[in-house]
Amino acid sequence: MSQPSKTDNRRSASMLKTFQYNKSIHTTDDARNVWLVVVSLIAAVTFQAGVNPPGGVWQDGDHAGRAIYASQKVAFYVFLVSNTLALSTCILVITCFTYKFPFYIEIWAATASMMTTYASAVFAVTPHETVHFRYLLIAALVPFLMRILVLFFKKCRGAENDQNQKGGEKEDPQDGQAGQQA
């Protein structure tokens, strides 16, 4: 196999630049629309994978209606946790990007219903001895908890920065006025 030439590397770099977000060309509305399309596609795929697990379900016998893939316990567990984390993250992004838009309460209700449907489908096809469902619940909550922590730390840092700025103004109130007097 041959090594890619420098021309190929430059061509692929210019291709990436072509599709990158550029503040001078694109608006935030354009970016939001692109993100919503991408996130909606990921949500659709992860939802479908959770409702219809890879390999299908047993049709006959004691395991009828249970996921065939569940017979590989570790692999199925990794699949369920990763899929749940992906779907939950997509739901978080969708609800954040549509906040305060028309019908956002209806979007929240629909996404909550979708997550409930996903959970009931996963519970229906998963043998109870295979998965500890509390880990799936944790995986579903991780994106929301991370967002809350980020907002909390930003708020704390903002308050800290405000105190530092107020403290700096008290020490030398002439700093901000010197440019105005000149």
Protein backbone atom coordinates (compact mmCIF):
# COMPACT_ATOMS: atom_id res chain seq x y z
CA MET A 1 0.00 0.00 0.00
CA SER A 2 1.42 3.39 -0.89
CA GLN A 3 1.72 6.41 1.34
CA PRO A 4 -0.56 9.38 0.62
CA SER A 5 1.25 12.18 -1.13
CA LYS A 6 1.51 15.74 0.14
CA THR A 7 -0.94 16.76 -2.59
CA ASP A 8 -3.51 14.31 -1.21
CA ASN A 9 -2.99 15.67 2.31
CA ARG A 10 -3.45 19.27 1.10
CA ARG A 11 -6.53 18.28 -0.87
CA SER A 12 -8.12 16.59 2.15
CA ALA A 13 -7.20 19.56 4.37
CA SER A 14 -8.82 21.98 1.92
CA MET A 15 -11.87 19.69 1.75
CA LEU A 16 -12.17 19.87 5.54
CA LYS A 17 -11.86 23.66 5.46
CA THR A 18 -14.65 23.80 2.89
CA PHE A 19 -17.09 22.13 5.27
CA GLN A 20 -15.97 23.75 8.52
CA TYR A 21 -18.08 26.33 10.30
CA ASN A 22 -16.95 29.83 9.35
CA LYS A 23 -18.31 32.72 11.44
CA SER A 24 -17.94 35.18 8.54
CA ILE A 25 -20.08 33.06 6.19
CA HIS A 26 -22.47 31.06 8.37
CA THR A 27 -24.98 32.27 10.91
CA THR A 28 -25.70 30.64 14.23
CA ASP A 29 -29.11 29.68 12.84
CA ASP A 30 -27.37 27.74 10.06
CA ALA A 31 -25.20 25.97 12.61
CA ARG A 32 -28.21 25.18 14.80
CA ASN A 33 -30.09 23.72 11.84
CA VAL A 34 -27.15 21.53 10.84
CA TRP A 35 -26.73 20.31 14.42
CA LEU A 36 -30.43 19.53 14.73
CA VAL A 37 -30.38 17.46 11.54
CA VAL A 38 -27.27 15.54 12.61
CA VAL A 39 -28.53 14.97 16.14
CA SER A 40 -31.97 13.91 14.89
CA LEU A 41 -30.38 11.34 12.59
CA ILE A 42 -28.26 9.96 15.42
CA ALA A 43 -31.30 9.85 17.70
CA ALA A 44 -33.30 7.97 15.05
CA VAL A 45 -30.55 5.39 14.57
CA THR A 46 -29.98 4.83 18.29
CA PHE A 47 -33.70 4.62 18.99
CA GLN A 48 -34.15 2.06 16.21
CA ALA A 49 -31.17 0.03 17.43
CA GLY A 50 -32.60 -0.05 20.96
CA VAL A 51 -36.10 -1.04 19.85
CA ASN A 52 -34.83 -3.64 17.35
CA PRO A 53 -31.55 -4.94 18.79
CA PRO A 54 -28.86 -6.30 16.46
CA GLY A 55 -29.54 -9.92 15.59
CA GLY A 56 -33.25 -9.61 16.31
CA VAL A 57 -35.17 -11.45 19.00
CA TRP A 58 -35.82 -15.12 19.70
CA GLN A 59 -39.06 -16.26 18.07
CA ASP A 60 -39.64 -19.53 19.95
CA GLY A 61 -38.85 -21.20 23.22
CA ASP A 62 -38.15 -19.91 26.69
CA HIS A 63 -36.40 -16.80 25.37
CA ALA A 64 -39.13 -15.72 22.92
CA GLY A 65 -39.18 -11.96 22.56
CA ARG A 66 -35.71 -11.56 24.09
CA ALA A 67 -32.71 -10.20 22.20
CA ILE A 68 -30.54 -12.83 20.57
CA TYR A 69 -27.53 -10.55 21.08
CA ALA A 70 -28.09 -10.73 24.86
CA SER A 71 -26.53 -14.20 24.84
CA GLN A 72 -23.19 -12.35 24.51
CA LYS A 73 -23.54 -10.62 27.87
CA VAL A 74 -20.57 -8.23 27.83
CA ALA A 75 -21.01 -7.16 24.21
CA PHE A 76 -24.74 -6.64 24.66
CA TYR A 77 -24.17 -4.66 27.85
CA VAL A 78 -21.64 -2.38 26.09
CA PHE A 79 -24.12 -1.95 23.24
CA LEU A 80 -26.99 -1.02 25.57
CA VAL A 81 -24.98 1.45 27.65
CA SER A 82 -23.40 3.12 24.60
CA ASN A 83 -26.68 3.28 22.72
CA THR A 84 -28.52 4.70 25.73
CA LEU A 85 -25.79 7.30 26.28
CA ALA A 86 -25.95 8.34 22.61
CA LEU A 87 -29.75 8.65 22.59
CA SER A 88 -29.79 10.57 25.86
CA THR A 89 -27.14 12.98 24.60
CA CYS A 90 -29.10 13.56 21.39
CA ILE A 91 -32.25 14.27 23.38
CA LEU A 92 -30.36 16.77 25.52
CA VAL A 93 -29.01 18.59 22.46
CA ILE A 94 -32.42 18.64 20.76
CA THR A 95 -34.14 20.05 23.84
CA CYS A 96 -31.39 22.65 24.37
CA PHE A 97 -31.40 23.81 20.74
CA THR A 98 -35.18 24.10 20.62
CA TYR A 99 -35.59 25.83 23.99
CA LYS A 100 -37.92 28.84 23.81
CA PHE A 101 -38.79 28.13 20.18
CA PRO A 102 -42.45 27.70 19.25
CA PHE A 103 -43.82 24.40 20.58
CA TYR A 104 -40.73 23.70 22.70
CA ILE A 105 -42.91 22.30 25.51
CA GLU A 106 -44.41 19.87 23.01
CA ILE A 107 -40.90 18.93 21.84
CA TRP A 108 -39.91 18.23 25.44
CA ALA A 109 -43.02 16.07 25.89
CA ALA A 110 -42.27 14.20 22.67
CA THR A 111 -38.63 13.57 23.58
CA ALA A 112 -39.58 12.43 27.09
CA SER A 113 -42.13 10.06 25.55
CA MET A 114 -39.53 8.82 23.09
CA MET A 115 -37.10 8.08 25.93
CA THR A 116 -39.86 6.28 27.84
CA THR A 117 -40.69 4.23 24.74
CA TYR A 118 -37.01 3.40 24.29
CA ALA A 119 -36.70 2.32 27.93
CA SER A 120 -39.79 0.11 27.77
CA ALA A 121 -38.58 -1.52 24.54
CA VAL A 122 -35.14 -2.18 26.02
CA PHE A 123 -36.72 -3.64 29.16
CA ALA A 124 -38.99 -5.84 27.02
CA VAL A 125 -36.22 -7.40 24.90
CA THR A 126 -33.50 -7.62 27.55
CA PRO A 127 -33.32 -10.68 29.79
CA HIS A 128 -33.46 -9.35 33.36
CA GLU A 129 -30.52 -11.47 34.48
CA THR A 130 -28.30 -9.98 31.76
CA VAL A 131 -28.30 -6.27 32.55
CA HIS A 132 -28.43 -4.23 35.70
CA PHE A 133 -30.90 -1.56 34.65
CA ARG A 134 -29.59 0.98 37.13
CA TYR A 135 -26.49 1.31 34.93
CA LEU A 136 -28.69 2.10 31.94
CA LEU A 137 -30.47 4.75 34.00
CA ILE A 138 -27.10 6.23 34.96
CA ALA A 139 -26.02 6.20 31.30
CA ALA A 140 -29.23 8.03 30.38
CA LEU A 141 -28.65 10.66 33.07
CA VAL A 142 -24.93 11.28 32.43
CA PRO A 143 -25.37 13.92 29.65
CA PHE A 144 -27.92 15.84 31.71
CA LEU A 145 -25.77 15.72 34.85
CA MET A 146 -22.71 16.83 32.88
CA ARG A 147 -24.64 19.80 31.45
CA ILE A 148 -25.84 20.78 34.93
CA LEU A 149 -22.28 20.56 36.29
CA VAL A 150 -20.92 22.68 33.43
CA LEU A 151 -23.58 25.33 34.01
CA PHE A 152 -22.91 25.26 37.74
CA PHE A 153 -19.15 25.72 37.28
CA LYS A 154 -19.69 28.48 34.71
CA LYS A 155 -21.99 30.25 37.15
CA CYS A 156 -19.43 29.87 39.95
CA ARG A 157 -16.62 31.14 37.73
CA GLY A 158 -18.81 34.02 36.56
CA ALA A 159 -19.51 35.02 40.16
CA GLU A 160 -15.80 34.70 40.94
CA ASN A 161 -14.88 36.84 37.92
CA ASP A 162 -17.48 39.45 38.92
CA GLN A 163 -15.97 39.62 42.41
CA ASN A 164 -12.47 39.96 40.95
CA GLN A 165 -13.61 42.76 38.65
CA LYS A 166 -15.42 44.57 41.47
CA GLY A 167 -12.39 44.14 43.69
CA GLY A 168 -10.15 45.59 40.96
CA GLU A 169 -12.44 48.59 40.52
CA LYS A 170 -12.33 49.36 44.25
CA GLU A 171 -8.54 49.38 44.30
CA ASP A 172 -8.13 51.86 41.42
CA PRO A 173 -11.38 53.47 40.24
CA GLN A 174 -9.48 55.79 37.84
CA ASP A 175 -8.44 52.94 35.48
CA GLY A 176 -11.69 52.88 33.53
CA GLN A 177 -12.03 56.67 33.44
CA ALA A 178 -8.51 57.56 32.29
CA GLY A 179 -9.29 56.70 28.66
CA GLN A 180 -12.51 58.69 28.76
CA GLN A 181 -10.86 61.89 30.01
CA ALA A 182 -8.08 61.94 27.43
